[in-house]
Amino acid sequence: MKAAAFDYARAGDLAEAVRLLGEGEGSAKLIAGGQSLGPMLNLRLVRVGLLVDIRRLEALRTVEEGEGTLRYGALITHSEFEDGRVPDAGNGLLRQVGGGIAYRAVRNRGTLGGSLAHADPAADWISAFTALDATLQIEGPAGRRSLPLAGGLLGAFTLDLGETEILTAVEVPRLGAGARWGWHKINRKTGEFADAIGVALLDEERGFCRVVCGAVEGPPVVLAAVAEALRAEGRQAGRALVPAAVAEALPALDPVGRHLHVVAVQRAIDQVFGR
């Protein structure tokens, strides 16, 4: 199938993109990499009146270093993380995650902002950046605002982003030099979406520990009790709490799905202590 007819406009700057979204009166959508929206348009799962192209907005391709933070422009591609062409706030985590997304052709065009805005529960970035305690920078007709990613994911494919707002950047606290991480994704074959994701971070320098269970039916789940046990008592204490924590957080999972998520999280924890 092919997309239903729509109008097309290429925004010259961010202000024009916001204006065009407003003029679309709810029927306009942004496109950058188009790796999710393109197929959805062709399958007519989505119909738009106006497609606003922001691919060439260089202001959304910058990386800014702040006091203990890195701010990534929304148009940075997966392959730029994979190839190490941008600094890695996760001490190698972002390069690992970026290199495991779909296939190289997708990674060359797909963008960080597009993936987070699409909010597919099985996508990699929403779990990785939830673990990193990322904050989204958003711009719209009312001005700029910040949105913690962990609280801004309202459900499957639903980010707290207005129809006339644009996700412009992602700000991440830099991990300390000695911080350790684990990332484990379970999928049937390379390039497919995940069946289960586990992420674990331990940054003793900042006193920060987070454990995330991803690729669920909604937003990634932060396993706070597991993280606290991991930080205070170590690997075995944190690992032992995972089955009960996953069962409590995801009661609708069938036994096989629950087991996959438990294994993904436990293997991520093992990586933290195996590095």
Protein backbone atom coordinates (compact mmCIF):
# COMPACT_ATOMS: atom_id res chain seq x y z
CA MET A 1 0.00 0.00 0.00
CA LYS A 2 0.94 3.64 -0.31
CA ALA A 3 0.20 6.59 1.91
CA ALA A 4 -2.97 8.60 1.51
CA ALA A 5 -2.45 12.04 -0.02
CA PHE A 6 -0.95 14.72 2.22
CA ASP A 7 0.71 18.13 1.97
CA TYR A 8 4.45 18.47 2.58
CA ALA A 9 6.51 21.32 4.01
CA ARG A 10 10.21 21.51 4.90
CA ALA A 11 10.77 23.68 7.95
CA GLY A 12 13.62 26.16 7.70
CA ASP A 13 14.04 26.48 11.45
CA LEU A 14 12.50 25.35 14.71
CA ALA A 15 10.12 28.30 14.96
CA GLU A 16 8.74 27.56 11.51
CA ALA A 17 8.28 23.89 12.41
CA VAL A 18 6.26 24.85 15.51
CA ARG A 19 4.19 27.28 13.42
CA LEU A 20 3.47 24.68 10.75
CA LEU A 21 2.34 22.16 13.37
CA GLY A 22 -0.08 24.76 14.71
CA GLU A 23 -1.44 25.52 11.26
CA GLY A 24 -2.07 21.82 10.77
CA GLU A 25 -4.83 21.97 13.42
CA GLY A 26 -4.09 18.48 14.72
CA SER A 27 -3.54 16.87 11.32
CA ALA A 28 0.17 17.70 11.00
CA LYS A 29 3.05 15.42 11.96
CA LEU A 30 6.82 15.77 12.02
CA ILE A 31 9.14 13.56 10.04
CA ALA A 32 12.92 13.29 10.41
CA GLY A 33 14.33 9.79 9.88
CA GLY A 34 10.92 8.37 9.00
CA GLN A 35 11.83 4.83 10.07
CA SER A 36 8.60 4.39 12.04
CA LEU A 37 6.27 6.99 10.53
CA GLY A 38 7.10 6.07 6.91
CA PRO A 39 5.88 2.46 7.14
CA MET A 40 2.86 3.53 9.20
CA LEU A 41 1.88 6.03 6.51
CA ASN A 42 2.31 3.45 3.76
CA LEU A 43 0.16 0.93 5.66
CA ARG A 44 -2.35 3.72 6.34
CA LEU A 45 -2.16 3.11 10.05
CA VAL A 46 -1.60 6.86 10.25
CA ARG A 47 -3.05 9.59 8.01
CA VAL A 48 -1.82 13.16 8.03
CA GLY A 49 -2.95 16.38 6.40
CA LEU A 50 0.51 17.94 6.53
CA LEU A 51 3.93 16.34 6.88
CA VAL A 52 6.53 18.74 8.34
CA ASP A 53 10.11 17.73 7.47
CA ILE A 54 12.69 18.76 10.11
CA ARG A 55 15.52 16.54 8.91
CA ARG A 56 17.79 19.45 7.95
CA LEU A 57 17.46 21.47 11.16
CA GLU A 58 21.10 21.63 12.26
CA ALA A 59 20.08 23.15 15.60
CA LEU A 60 18.69 19.74 16.54
CA ARG A 61 21.91 17.91 15.68
CA THR A 62 24.19 19.43 18.30
CA VAL A 63 25.70 17.94 21.46
CA GLU A 64 26.17 20.34 24.38
CA GLU A 65 28.22 19.66 27.49
CA GLY A 66 26.92 21.11 30.74
CA GLU A 67 27.86 20.83 34.41
CA GLY A 68 27.89 17.06 34.71
CA THR A 69 25.44 16.58 31.84
CA LEU A 70 25.31 16.00 28.11
CA ARG A 71 22.49 17.30 25.95
CA TYR A 72 21.86 15.40 22.72
CA GLY A 73 19.98 17.03 19.85
CA ALA A 74 16.89 15.10 18.84
CA LEU A 75 18.13 14.51 15.27
CA ILE A 76 21.27 12.59 16.24
CA THR A 77 21.03 9.20 14.59
CA HIS A 78 21.42 5.74 16.08
CA SER A 79 24.51 5.15 13.93
CA GLU A 80 26.22 8.25 15.32
CA PHE A 81 26.00 6.70 18.78
CA GLU A 82 27.09 3.33 17.39
CA ASP A 83 30.15 4.78 15.65
CA GLY A 84 31.23 6.89 18.63
CA ARG A 85 30.77 10.13 16.70
CA VAL A 86 29.10 11.73 19.72
CA PRO A 87 30.25 11.63 23.38
CA ASP A 88 28.75 8.77 25.37
CA ALA A 89 27.23 9.90 28.69
CA GLY A 90 26.76 6.24 29.61
CA ASN A 91 30.44 5.20 29.48
CA GLY A 92 29.83 2.95 26.47
CA LEU A 93 26.18 2.07 27.14
CA LEU A 94 24.80 4.32 24.41
CA ARG A 95 27.24 2.96 21.84
CA GLN A 96 26.23 -0.59 22.77
CA VAL A 97 22.52 0.17 22.54
CA GLY A 98 22.78 2.17 19.31
CA GLY A 99 24.63 -0.63 17.56
CA GLY A 100 21.90 -3.14 18.39
CA ILE A 101 18.94 -1.24 16.93
CA ALA A 102 17.39 -2.86 13.84
CA TYR A 103 19.76 -2.82 10.83
CA ARG A 104 22.45 -0.43 9.64
CA ALA A 105 20.20 1.21 7.04
CA VAL A 106 17.68 2.00 9.77
CA ARG A 107 20.39 3.21 12.15
CA ASN A 108 21.75 5.59 9.51
CA ARG A 109 18.44 7.47 9.32
CA GLY A 110 16.54 6.75 12.52
CA THR A 111 16.86 9.48 15.15
CA LEU A 112 17.00 9.56 18.92
CA GLY A 113 14.16 12.06 19.20
CA GLY A 114 11.96 10.19 16.78
CA SER A 115 12.38 6.94 18.70
CA LEU A 116 11.58 8.54 22.06
CA ALA A 117 8.61 10.49 20.70
CA HIS A 118 7.22 7.34 19.06
CA ALA A 119 7.49 5.61 22.48
CA ASP A 120 7.31 2.05 21.21
CA PRO A 121 7.55 -0.13 24.35
CA ALA A 122 9.83 -2.62 22.55
CA ALA A 123 12.27 0.04 21.32
CA ASP A 124 15.74 0.28 22.85
CA TRP A 125 16.21 3.98 23.60
CA ILE A 126 13.26 4.41 25.95
CA SER A 127 14.68 1.74 28.28
CA ALA A 128 18.28 2.97 28.03
CA PHE A 129 17.44 6.62 28.64
CA THR A 130 15.00 5.79 31.42
CA ALA A 131 17.88 4.00 33.13
CA LEU A 132 20.08 7.06 32.62
CA ASP A 133 17.46 9.33 34.23
CA ALA A 134 17.12 11.44 31.08
CA THR A 135 15.14 14.67 30.80
CA LEU A 136 13.50 15.69 27.53
CA GLN A 137 13.64 19.25 26.25
CA ILE A 138 10.43 20.27 24.49
CA GLU A 139 9.48 23.37 22.55
CA GLY A 140 6.04 24.55 21.46
CA PRO A 141 3.86 27.65 21.05
CA ALA A 142 3.91 28.23 24.82
CA GLY A 143 7.71 28.14 24.96
CA ARG A 144 10.17 25.58 26.31
CA ARG A 145 9.68 22.99 29.03
CA SER A 146 11.52 20.03 30.52
CA LEU A 147 9.99 16.59 30.97
CA PRO A 148 11.59 13.69 32.88
CA LEU A 149 11.43 10.71 30.54
CA ALA A 150 10.49 8.27 33.31
CA GLY A 151 7.38 10.32 34.12
CA GLY A 152 6.60 11.46 30.60
CA LEU A 153 5.87 8.04 29.11
CA LEU A 154 2.14 7.73 29.70
CA GLY A 155 1.60 4.37 28.02
CA ALA A 156 2.43 2.36 24.93
CA PHE A 157 3.18 4.74 22.03
CA THR A 158 2.20 7.69 24.25
CA LEU A 159 4.58 10.43 25.32
CA ASP A 160 3.37 13.54 27.13
CA LEU A 161 3.95 15.64 24.02
CA GLY A 162 1.36 18.03 22.61
CA GLU A 163 0.31 18.05 18.95
CA THR A 164 2.12 21.35 18.40
CA GLU A 165 5.20 20.55 20.49
CA ILE A 166 8.59 19.28 19.33
CA LEU A 167 11.06 17.15 21.28
CA THR A 168 14.26 19.08 20.65
CA ALA A 169 16.90 17.49 22.89
CA VAL A 170 17.62 14.86 25.52
CA GLU A 171 19.66 15.80 28.60
CA VAL A 172 21.49 13.07 30.51
CA PRO A 173 23.60 13.18 33.69
CA ARG A 174 27.09 11.90 32.90
CA LEU A 175 28.05 8.70 34.66
CA GLY A 176 31.12 8.83 36.88
CA ALA A 177 34.38 7.45 35.54
CA GLY A 178 34.00 4.26 37.58
CA ALA A 179 30.32 3.69 36.90
CA ARG A 180 29.31 0.24 35.69
CA TRP A 181 26.37 -0.83 33.57
CA GLY A 182 24.67 -3.88 32.14
CA TRP A 183 22.41 -4.16 29.09
CA HIS A 184 20.71 -7.33 27.96
CA LYS A 185 18.17 -7.58 25.15
CA ILE A 186 16.33 -10.78 24.27
CA ASN A 187 14.97 -11.03 20.73
CA ARG A 188 14.47 -13.83 18.25
CA LYS A 189 17.07 -12.58 15.79
CA THR A 190 19.29 -9.57 15.20
CA GLY A 191 17.36 -6.55 14.03
CA GLU A 192 14.01 -7.45 15.54
CA PHE A 193 12.29 -5.61 18.35
CA ALA A 194 12.99 -6.91 21.83
CA ASP A 195 10.92 -9.48 23.69
CA ALA A 196 12.59 -8.37 26.94
CA ILE A 197 15.18 -5.79 28.00
CA GLY A 198 17.14 -5.49 31.23
CA VAL A 199 19.25 -2.46 32.16
CA ALA A 200 21.28 -1.96 35.33
CA LEU A 201 23.42 1.03 36.31
CA LEU A 202 25.61 1.45 39.36
CA ASP A 203 27.37 4.78 39.78
CA GLU A 204 28.90 4.80 43.24
CA GLU A 205 30.55 8.18 42.67
CA ARG A 206 27.11 9.81 42.33
CA GLY A 207 25.33 7.45 44.69
CA PHE A 208 23.04 6.47 41.82
CA CYS A 209 21.71 3.01 41.03
CA ARG A 210 18.83 2.13 38.71
CA VAL A 211 17.46 -1.13 37.38
CA VAL A 212 14.96 -1.11 34.50
CA CYS A 213 12.79 -3.81 32.97
CA GLY A 214 11.89 -2.89 29.39
CA ALA A 215 10.02 -4.17 26.34
CA VAL A 216 6.82 -4.50 28.35
CA GLU A 217 3.24 -3.57 27.40
CA GLY A 218 3.75 0.04 28.48
CA PRO A 219 6.59 2.29 29.68
CA PRO A 220 9.76 0.66 31.03
CA VAL A 221 9.45 -0.33 34.68
CA VAL A 222 11.94 1.04 37.19
CA LEU A 223 12.64 -1.68 39.78
CA ALA A 224 13.47 0.59 42.71
CA ALA A 225 13.66 -2.14 45.38
CA VAL A 226 16.06 -4.18 43.26
CA ALA A 227 18.26 -1.12 42.70
CA GLU A 228 18.36 -0.31 46.42
CA ALA A 229 19.34 -3.88 47.32
CA LEU A 230 21.96 -3.88 44.58
CA ARG A 231 23.47 -0.62 45.81
CA ALA A 232 23.38 -1.47 49.52
CA GLU A 233 24.00 -5.22 49.60
CA GLY A 234 25.48 -6.20 46.26
CA ARG A 235 24.88 -8.47 43.33
CA GLN A 236 23.24 -11.48 44.96
CA ALA A 237 20.82 -9.42 47.05
CA GLY A 238 19.65 -7.44 44.03
CA ARG A 239 19.48 -10.49 41.81
CA ALA A 240 17.36 -12.42 44.33
CA LEU A 241 14.66 -9.74 44.34
CA VAL A 242 14.18 -9.67 40.57
CA PRO A 243 11.57 -12.47 40.16
CA ALA A 244 9.23 -11.02 42.80
CA ALA A 245 9.75 -7.45 41.58
CA VAL A 246 8.94 -8.36 37.96
CA ALA A 247 5.89 -10.37 39.02
CA GLU A 248 4.59 -7.46 41.09
CA ALA A 249 5.24 -4.81 38.45
CA LEU A 250 3.96 -6.89 35.50
CA PRO A 251 1.19 -9.17 36.83
CA ALA A 252 -0.42 -9.63 33.39
CA LEU A 253 2.62 -11.34 31.88
CA ASP A 254 2.30 -15.05 31.14
CA PRO A 255 4.91 -17.34 32.76
CA VAL A 256 7.13 -17.40 29.67
CA GLY A 257 7.09 -13.62 29.29
CA ARG A 258 7.78 -13.16 32.99
CA HIS A 259 10.72 -15.55 32.82
CA LEU A 260 12.22 -13.71 29.83
CA HIS A 261 12.08 -10.39 31.65
CA VAL A 262 13.54 -11.85 34.84
CA VAL A 263 16.43 -13.35 32.87
CA ALA A 264 17.07 -10.09 30.98
CA VAL A 265 17.26 -8.07 34.20
CA GLN A 266 19.39 -10.62 36.05
CA ARG A 267 21.85 -10.84 33.17
CA ALA A 268 22.13 -7.05 33.09
CA ILE A 269 22.93 -7.14 36.83
CA ASP A 270 25.54 -9.84 36.22
CA GLN A 271 27.21 -7.62 33.61
CA VAL A 272 27.51 -4.79 36.13
CA PHE A 273 29.65 -6.98 38.34
CA GLY A 274 31.43 -8.74 35.49
CA ARG A 275 32.95 -5.60 33.98
